[in-house]
Amino acid sequence: VQVVESGGGLVQPGGSLRLSCTAS
């Protein structure tokens, strides 16, 4: 099974991010 993440990065305190992951 291939597992792939995306969506990381640099954000300021109090900010938001959304991570995604798919599994084959």
mmCIF file of all heavy atoms, coordinates in Angstrom:
data_MODEL
# 
_entry.id   MODEL 
# 
loop_
_atom_site.group_PDB 
_atom_site.id 
_atom_site.type_symbol 
_atom_site.label_atom_id 
_atom_site.label_alt_id 
_atom_site.label_comp_id 
_atom_site.label_asym_id 
_atom_site.label_entity_id 
_atom_site.label_seq_id 
_atom_site.pdbx_PDB_ins_code 
_atom_site.Cartn_x 
_atom_site.Cartn_y 
_atom_site.Cartn_z 
_atom_site.occupancy 
_atom_site.B_iso_or_equiv 
_atom_site.pdbx_formal_charge 
_atom_site.auth_seq_id 
_atom_site.auth_comp_id 
_atom_site.auth_asym_id 
_atom_site.auth_atom_id 
_atom_site.pdbx_PDB_model_num 
ATOM 1   N N   . VAL A 1 1  ? 0.846   -1.186 0.000  1.00 0.00 ? 1  VAL A N   1 
ATOM 2   C CA  . VAL A 1 1  ? 0.000   0.000  0.000  1.00 0.00 ? 1  VAL A CA  1 
ATOM 3   C C   . VAL A 1 1  ? 0.883   1.238  0.000  1.00 0.00 ? 1  VAL A C   1 
ATOM 4   O O   . VAL A 1 1  ? 1.765   1.378  0.854  1.00 0.00 ? 1  VAL A O   1 
ATOM 5   C CB  . VAL A 1 1  ? -0.928  0.010  1.233  1.00 0.00 ? 1  VAL A CB  1 
ATOM 6   C CG1 . VAL A 1 1  ? -1.752  1.282  1.273  1.00 0.00 ? 1  VAL A CG1 1 
ATOM 7   C CG2 . VAL A 1 1  ? -1.846  -1.219 1.214  1.00 0.00 ? 1  VAL A CG2 1 
ATOM 8   N N   . GLN A 1 2  ? 0.644   2.113  -0.950 1.00 0.00 ? 2  GLN A N   1 
ATOM 9   C CA  . GLN A 1 2  ? 1.370   3.389  -1.009 1.00 0.00 ? 2  GLN A CA  1 
ATOM 10  C C   . GLN A 1 2  ? 0.581   4.444  -0.246 1.00 0.00 ? 2  GLN A C   1 
ATOM 11  O O   . GLN A 1 2  ? -0.607  4.659  -0.513 1.00 0.00 ? 2  GLN A O   1 
ATOM 12  C CB  . GLN A 1 2  ? 1.565   3.819  -2.448 1.00 0.00 ? 2  GLN A CB  1 
ATOM 13  C CG  . GLN A 1 2  ? 2.316   2.813  -3.303 1.00 0.00 ? 2  GLN A CG  1 
ATOM 14  C CD  . GLN A 1 2  ? 3.738   2.585  -2.831 1.00 0.00 ? 2  GLN A CD  1 
ATOM 15  O OE1 . GLN A 1 2  ? 4.437   3.525  -2.460 1.00 0.00 ? 2  GLN A OE1 1 
ATOM 16  N NE2 . GLN A 1 2  ? 4.177   1.334  -2.834 1.00 0.00 ? 2  GLN A NE2 1 
ATOM 17  N N   . VAL A 1 3  ? 1.255   5.089  0.683  1.00 0.00 ? 3  VAL A N   1 
ATOM 18  C CA  . VAL A 1 3  ? 0.645   6.149  1.499  1.00 0.00 ? 3  VAL A CA  1 
ATOM 19  C C   . VAL A 1 3  ? 1.372   7.451  1.193  1.00 0.00 ? 3  VAL A C   1 
ATOM 20  O O   . VAL A 1 3  ? 2.604   7.519  1.303  1.00 0.00 ? 3  VAL A O   1 
ATOM 21  C CB  . VAL A 1 3  ? 0.743   5.815  2.998  1.00 0.00 ? 3  VAL A CB  1 
ATOM 22  C CG1 . VAL A 1 3  ? 0.137   6.945  3.837  1.00 0.00 ? 3  VAL A CG1 1 
ATOM 23  C CG2 . VAL A 1 3  ? 0.036   4.488  3.294  1.00 0.00 ? 3  VAL A CG2 1 
ATOM 24  N N   . VAL A 1 4  ? 0.622   8.470  0.795  1.00 0.00 ? 4  VAL A N   1 
ATOM 25  C CA  . VAL A 1 4  ? 1.227   9.728  0.365  1.00 0.00 ? 4  VAL A CA  1 
ATOM 26  C C   . VAL A 1 4  ? 0.546   10.899 1.062  1.00 0.00 ? 4  VAL A C   1 
ATOM 27  O O   . VAL A 1 4  ? -0.666  11.062 0.967  1.00 0.00 ? 4  VAL A O   1 
ATOM 28  C CB  . VAL A 1 4  ? 1.119   9.917  -1.160 1.00 0.00 ? 4  VAL A CB  1 
ATOM 29  C CG1 . VAL A 1 4  ? 1.777   11.227 -1.577 1.00 0.00 ? 4  VAL A CG1 1 
ATOM 30  C CG2 . VAL A 1 4  ? 1.770   8.734  -1.877 1.00 0.00 ? 4  VAL A CG2 1 
ATOM 31  N N   . GLU A 1 5  ? 1.371   11.705 1.759  1.00 0.00 ? 5  GLU A N   1 
ATOM 32  C CA  . GLU A 1 5  ? 0.855   12.901 2.438  1.00 0.00 ? 5  GLU A CA  1 
ATOM 33  C C   . GLU A 1 5  ? 1.136   14.145 1.613  1.00 0.00 ? 5  GLU A C   1 
ATOM 34  O O   . GLU A 1 5  ? 2.087   14.171 0.825  1.00 0.00 ? 5  GLU A O   1 
ATOM 35  C CB  . GLU A 1 5  ? 1.513   13.102 3.822  1.00 0.00 ? 5  GLU A CB  1 
ATOM 36  C CG  . GLU A 1 5  ? 1.470   11.921 4.747  1.00 0.00 ? 5  GLU A CG  1 
ATOM 37  C CD  . GLU A 1 5  ? 2.769   11.167 4.772  1.00 0.00 ? 5  GLU A CD  1 
ATOM 38  O OE1 . GLU A 1 5  ? 3.494   11.213 3.747  1.00 0.00 ? 5  GLU A OE1 1 
ATOM 39  O OE2 . GLU A 1 5  ? 3.074   10.526 5.787  1.00 0.00 ? 5  GLU A OE2 1 
ATOM 40  N N   . SER A 1 6  ? 0.355   15.189 1.878  1.00 0.00 ? 6  SER A N   1 
ATOM 41  C CA  . SER A 1 6  ? 0.620   16.499 1.284  1.00 0.00 ? 6  SER A CA  1 
ATOM 42  C C   . SER A 1 6  ? -0.021  17.563 2.167  1.00 0.00 ? 6  SER A C   1 
ATOM 43  O O   . SER A 1 6  ? -0.841  17.246 3.038  1.00 0.00 ? 6  SER A O   1 
ATOM 44  C CB  . SER A 1 6  ? 0.049   16.585 -0.131 1.00 0.00 ? 6  SER A CB  1 
ATOM 45  O OG  . SER A 1 6  ? -1.361  16.426 -0.110 1.00 0.00 ? 6  SER A OG  1 
ATOM 46  N N   . GLY A 1 7  ? 0.405   18.807 1.959  1.00 0.00 ? 7  GLY A N   1 
ATOM 47  C CA  . GLY A 1 7  ? -0.246  19.915 2.633  1.00 0.00 ? 7  GLY A CA  1 
ATOM 48  C C   . GLY A 1 7  ? 0.529   20.594 3.734  1.00 0.00 ? 7  GLY A C   1 
ATOM 49  O O   . GLY A 1 7  ? 0.052   21.554 4.329  1.00 0.00 ? 7  GLY A O   1 
ATOM 50  N N   . GLY A 1 8  ? 1.739   20.131 4.024  1.00 0.00 ? 8  GLY A N   1 
ATOM 51  C CA  . GLY A 1 8  ? 2.525   20.791 5.059  1.00 0.00 ? 8  GLY A CA  1 
ATOM 52  C C   . GLY A 1 8  ? 3.037   22.143 4.587  1.00 0.00 ? 8  GLY A C   1 
ATOM 53  O O   . GLY A 1 8  ? 2.835   22.546 3.449  1.00 0.00 ? 8  GLY A O   1 
ATOM 54  N N   . GLY A 1 9  ? 3.706   22.835 5.512  1.00 0.00 ? 9  GLY A N   1 
ATOM 55  C CA  . GLY A 1 9  ? 4.269   24.130 5.166  1.00 0.00 ? 9  GLY A CA  1 
ATOM 56  C C   . GLY A 1 9  ? 4.556   24.967 6.391  1.00 0.00 ? 9  GLY A C   1 
ATOM 57  O O   . GLY A 1 9  ? 4.551   24.466 7.525  1.00 0.00 ? 9  GLY A O   1 
ATOM 58  N N   . LEU A 1 10 ? 4.806   26.238 6.135  1.00 0.00 ? 10 LEU A N   1 
ATOM 59  C CA  . LEU A 1 10 ? 5.116   27.207 7.192  1.00 0.00 ? 10 LEU A CA  1 
ATOM 60  C C   . LEU A 1 10 ? 3.878   28.060 7.460  1.00 0.00 ? 10 LEU A C   1 
ATOM 61  O O   . LEU A 1 10 ? 3.269   28.587 6.512  1.00 0.00 ? 10 LEU A O   1 
ATOM 62  C CB  . LEU A 1 10 ? 6.284   28.092 6.758  1.00 0.00 ? 10 LEU A CB  1 
ATOM 63  C CG  . LEU A 1 10 ? 6.637   29.272 7.666  1.00 0.00 ? 10 LEU A CG  1 
ATOM 64  C CD1 . LEU A 1 10 ? 7.112   28.777 9.031  1.00 0.00 ? 10 LEU A CD1 1 
ATOM 65  C CD2 . LEU A 1 10 ? 7.689   30.146 7.005  1.00 0.00 ? 10 LEU A CD2 1 
ATOM 66  N N   . VAL A 1 11 ? 3.516   28.183 8.719  1.00 0.00 ? 11 VAL A N   1 
ATOM 67  C CA  . VAL A 1 11 ? 2.351   28.972 9.095  1.00 0.00 ? 11 VAL A CA  1 
ATOM 68  C C   . VAL A 1 11 ? 2.647   29.721 10.383 1.00 0.00 ? 11 VAL A C   1 
ATOM 69  O O   . VAL A 1 11 ? 3.442   29.256 11.215 1.00 0.00 ? 11 VAL A O   1 
ATOM 70  C CB  . VAL A 1 11 ? 1.110   28.059 9.248  1.00 0.00 ? 11 VAL A CB  1 
ATOM 71  C CG1 . VAL A 1 11 ? 1.306   27.058 10.381 1.00 0.00 ? 11 VAL A CG1 1 
ATOM 72  C CG2 . VAL A 1 11 ? -0.156  28.866 9.440  1.00 0.00 ? 11 VAL A CG2 1 
ATOM 73  N N   . GLN A 1 12 ? 2.032   30.865 10.543 1.00 0.00 ? 12 GLN A N   1 
ATOM 74  C CA  . GLN A 1 12 ? 2.228   31.655 11.764 1.00 0.00 ? 12 GLN A CA  1 
ATOM 75  C C   . GLN A 1 12 ? 1.383   31.083 12.910 1.00 0.00 ? 12 GLN A C   1 
ATOM 76  O O   . GLN A 1 12 ? 0.356   30.433 12.663 1.00 0.00 ? 12 GLN A O   1 
ATOM 77  C CB  . GLN A 1 12 ? 1.834   33.100 11.516 1.00 0.00 ? 12 GLN A CB  1 
ATOM 78  C CG  . GLN A 1 12 ? 2.754   33.840 10.570 1.00 0.00 ? 12 GLN A CG  1 
ATOM 79  C CD  . GLN A 1 12 ? 2.424   35.312 10.469 1.00 0.00 ? 12 GLN A CD  1 
ATOM 80  O OE1 . GLN A 1 12 ? 1.334   35.754 10.819 1.00 0.00 ? 12 GLN A OE1 1 
ATOM 81  N NE2 . GLN A 1 12 ? 3.386   36.101 9.997  1.00 0.00 ? 12 GLN A NE2 1 
ATOM 82  N N   . PRO A 1 13 ? 1.804   31.329 14.125 1.00 0.00 ? 13 PRO A N   1 
ATOM 83  C CA  . PRO A 1 13 ? 0.988   30.885 15.274 1.00 0.00 ? 13 PRO A CA  1 
ATOM 84  C C   . PRO A 1 13 ? -0.431  31.425 15.159 1.00 0.00 ? 13 PRO A C   1 
ATOM 85  O O   . PRO A 1 13 ? -0.641  32.583 14.793 1.00 0.00 ? 13 PRO A O   1 
ATOM 86  C CB  . PRO A 1 13 ? 1.727   31.494 16.470 1.00 0.00 ? 13 PRO A CB  1 
ATOM 87  C CG  . PRO A 1 13 ? 3.148   31.590 16.021 1.00 0.00 ? 13 PRO A CG  1 
ATOM 88  C CD  . PRO A 1 13 ? 3.084   31.937 14.561 1.00 0.00 ? 13 PRO A CD  1 
ATOM 89  N N   . GLY A 1 14 ? -1.383  30.551 15.476 1.00 0.00 ? 14 GLY A N   1 
ATOM 90  C CA  . GLY A 1 14 ? -2.789  30.914 15.346 1.00 0.00 ? 14 GLY A CA  1 
ATOM 91  C C   . GLY A 1 14 ? -3.380  30.606 13.984 1.00 0.00 ? 14 GLY A C   1 
ATOM 92  O O   . GLY A 1 14 ? -4.599  30.691 13.801 1.00 0.00 ? 14 GLY A O   1 
ATOM 93  N N   . GLY A 1 15 ? -2.530  30.240 13.044 1.00 0.00 ? 15 GLY A N   1 
ATOM 94  C CA  . GLY A 1 15 ? -2.991  29.948 11.700 1.00 0.00 ? 15 GLY A CA  1 
ATOM 95  C C   . GLY A 1 15 ? -3.510  28.528 11.538 1.00 0.00 ? 15 GLY A C   1 
ATOM 96  O O   . GLY A 1 15 ? -3.599  27.765 12.512 1.00 0.00 ? 15 GLY A O   1 
ATOM 97  N N   . SER A 1 16 ? -3.847  28.184 10.297 1.00 0.00 ? 16 SER A N   1 
ATOM 98  C CA  . SER A 1 16 ? -4.430  26.875 9.996  1.00 0.00 ? 16 SER A CA  1 
ATOM 99  C C   . SER A 1 16 ? -3.710  26.221 8.823  1.00 0.00 ? 16 SER A C   1 
ATOM 100 O O   . SER A 1 16 ? -3.153  26.909 7.954  1.00 0.00 ? 16 SER A O   1 
ATOM 101 C CB  . SER A 1 16 ? -5.913  27.025 9.638  1.00 0.00 ? 16 SER A CB  1 
ATOM 102 O OG  . SER A 1 16 ? -6.655  27.547 10.708 1.00 0.00 ? 16 SER A OG  1 
ATOM 103 N N   . LEU A 1 17 ? -3.745  24.898 8.823  1.00 0.00 ? 17 LEU A N   1 
ATOM 104 C CA  . LEU A 1 17 ? -3.246  24.095 7.715  1.00 0.00 ? 17 LEU A CA  1 
ATOM 105 C C   . LEU A 1 17 ? -4.130  22.873 7.589  1.00 0.00 ? 17 LEU A C   1 
ATOM 106 O O   . LEU A 1 17 ? -4.706  22.408 8.584  1.00 0.00 ? 17 LEU A O   1 
ATOM 107 C CB  . LEU A 1 17 ? -1.805  23.634 7.946  1.00 0.00 ? 17 LEU A CB  1 
ATOM 108 C CG  . LEU A 1 17 ? -0.649  24.548 7.601  1.00 0.00 ? 17 LEU A CG  1 
ATOM 109 C CD1 . LEU A 1 17 ? 0.675   23.889 7.992  1.00 0.00 ? 17 LEU A CD1 1 
ATOM 110 C CD2 . LEU A 1 17 ? -0.639  24.932 6.145  1.00 0.00 ? 17 LEU A CD2 1 
ATOM 111 N N   . ARG A 1 18 ? -4.208  22.347 6.395  1.00 0.00 ? 18 ARG A N   1 
ATOM 112 C CA  . ARG A 1 18 ? -4.943  21.107 6.160  1.00 0.00 ? 18 ARG A CA  1 
ATOM 113 C C   . ARG A 1 18 ? -4.011  20.102 5.502  1.00 0.00 ? 18 ARG A C   1 
ATOM 114 O O   . ARG A 1 18 ? -3.492  20.361 4.413  1.00 0.00 ? 18 ARG A O   1 
ATOM 115 C CB  . ARG A 1 18 ? -6.164  21.348 5.281  1.00 0.00 ? 18 ARG A CB  1 
ATOM 116 C CG  . ARG A 1 18 ? -7.069  20.130 5.134  1.00 0.00 ? 18 ARG A CG  1 
ATOM 117 C CD  . ARG A 1 18 ? -8.060  20.324 4.025  1.00 0.00 ? 18 ARG A CD  1 
ATOM 118 N NE  . ARG A 1 18 ? -9.155  19.362 4.058  1.00 0.00 ? 18 ARG A NE  1 
ATOM 119 C CZ  . ARG A 1 18 ? -9.814  18.963 2.977  1.00 0.00 ? 18 ARG A CZ  1 
ATOM 120 N NH1 . ARG A 1 18 ? -9.465  19.426 1.787  1.00 0.00 ? 18 ARG A NH1 1 
ATOM 121 N NH2 . ARG A 1 18 ? -10.814 18.101 3.097  1.00 0.00 ? 18 ARG A NH2 1 
ATOM 122 N N   . LEU A 1 19 ? -3.815  18.983 6.160  1.00 0.00 ? 19 LEU A N   1 
ATOM 123 C CA  . LEU A 1 19 ? -3.023  17.902 5.608  1.00 0.00 ? 19 LEU A CA  1 
ATOM 124 C C   . LEU A 1 19 ? -3.933  16.888 4.929  1.00 0.00 ? 19 LEU A C   1 
ATOM 125 O O   . LEU A 1 19 ? -5.050  16.637 5.405  1.00 0.00 ? 19 LEU A O   1 
ATOM 126 C CB  . LEU A 1 19 ? -2.207  17.207 6.696  1.00 0.00 ? 19 LEU A CB  1 
ATOM 127 C CG  . LEU A 1 19 ? -1.289  18.081 7.544  1.00 0.00 ? 19 LEU A CG  1 
ATOM 128 C CD1 . LEU A 1 19 ? -0.500  17.208 8.528  1.00 0.00 ? 19 LEU A CD1 1 
ATOM 129 C CD2 . LEU A 1 19 ? -0.345  18.894 6.687  1.00 0.00 ? 19 LEU A CD2 1 
ATOM 130 N N   . SER A 1 20 ? -3.421  16.310 3.854  1.00 0.00 ? 20 SER A N   1 
ATOM 131 C CA  . SER A 1 20 ? -4.156  15.280 3.127  1.00 0.00 ? 20 SER A CA  1 
ATOM 132 C C   . SER A 1 20 ? -3.294  14.041 2.999  1.00 0.00 ? 20 SER A C   1 
ATOM 133 O O   . SER A 1 20 ? -2.060  14.125 2.957  1.00 0.00 ? 20 SER A O   1 
ATOM 134 C CB  . SER A 1 20 ? -4.538  15.778 1.733  1.00 0.00 ? 20 SER A CB  1 
ATOM 135 O OG  . SER A 1 20 ? -5.348  16.930 1.791  1.00 0.00 ? 20 SER A OG  1 
ATOM 136 N N   . CYS A 1 21 ? -3.959  12.904 2.909  1.00 0.00 ? 21 CYS A N   1 
ATOM 137 C CA  . CYS A 1 21 ? -3.241  11.637 2.765  1.00 0.00 ? 21 CYS A CA  1 
ATOM 138 C C   . CYS A 1 21 ? -4.101  10.691 1.938  1.00 0.00 ? 21 CYS A C   1 
ATOM 139 O O   . CYS A 1 21 ? -5.315  10.596 2.163  1.00 0.00 ? 21 CYS A O   1 
ATOM 140 C CB  . CYS A 1 21 ? -2.946  11.035 4.133  1.00 0.00 ? 21 CYS A CB  1 
ATOM 141 S SG  . CYS A 1 21 ? -2.347  9.322  4.116  1.00 0.00 ? 21 CYS A SG  1 
ATOM 142 N N   . THR A 1 22 ? -3.479  10.005 1.001  1.00 0.00 ? 22 THR A N   1 
ATOM 143 C CA  . THR A 1 22 ? -4.177  8.977  0.241  1.00 0.00 ? 22 THR A CA  1 
ATOM 144 C C   . THR A 1 22 ? -3.457  7.645  0.411  1.00 0.00 ? 22 THR A C   1 
ATOM 145 O O   . THR A 1 22 ? -2.245  7.604  0.600  1.00 0.00 ? 22 THR A O   1 
ATOM 146 C CB  . THR A 1 22 ? -4.252  9.329  -1.252 1.00 0.00 ? 22 THR A CB  1 
ATOM 147 O OG1 . THR A 1 22 ? -2.933  9.500  -1.761 1.00 0.00 ? 22 THR A OG1 1 
ATOM 148 C CG2 . THR A 1 22 ? -5.053  10.594 -1.485 1.00 0.00 ? 22 THR A CG2 1 
ATOM 149 N N   . ALA A 1 23 ? -4.227  6.579  0.342  1.00 0.00 ? 23 ALA A N   1 
ATOM 150 C CA  . ALA A 1 23 ? -3.678  5.231  0.461  1.00 0.00 ? 23 ALA A CA  1 
ATOM 151 C C   . ALA A 1 23 ? -4.177  4.395  -0.709 1.00 0.00 ? 23 ALA A C   1 
ATOM 152 O O   . ALA A 1 23 ? -5.377  4.345  -0.975 1.00 0.00 ? 23 ALA A O   1 
ATOM 153 C CB  . ALA A 1 23 ? -4.084  4.592  1.781  1.00 0.00 ? 23 ALA A CB  1 
ATOM 154 N N   . SER A 1 24 ? -3.255  3.726  -1.382 1.00 0.00 ? 24 SER A N   1 
ATOM 155 C CA  . SER A 1 24 ? -3.592  3.001  -2.610 1.00 0.00 ? 24 SER A CA  1 
ATOM 156 C C   . SER A 1 24 ? -4.063  1.577  -2.308 1.00 0.00 ? 24 SER A C   1 
ATOM 157 O O   . SER A 1 24 ? -3.334  0.613  -2.549 1.00 0.00 ? 24 SER A O   1 
ATOM 158 C CB  . SER A 1 24 ? -2.379  2.957  -3.533 1.00 0.00 ? 24 SER A CB  1 
ATOM 159 O OG  . SER A 1 24 ? -1.326  2.242  -2.907 1.00 0.00 ? 24 SER A OG  1 
# 
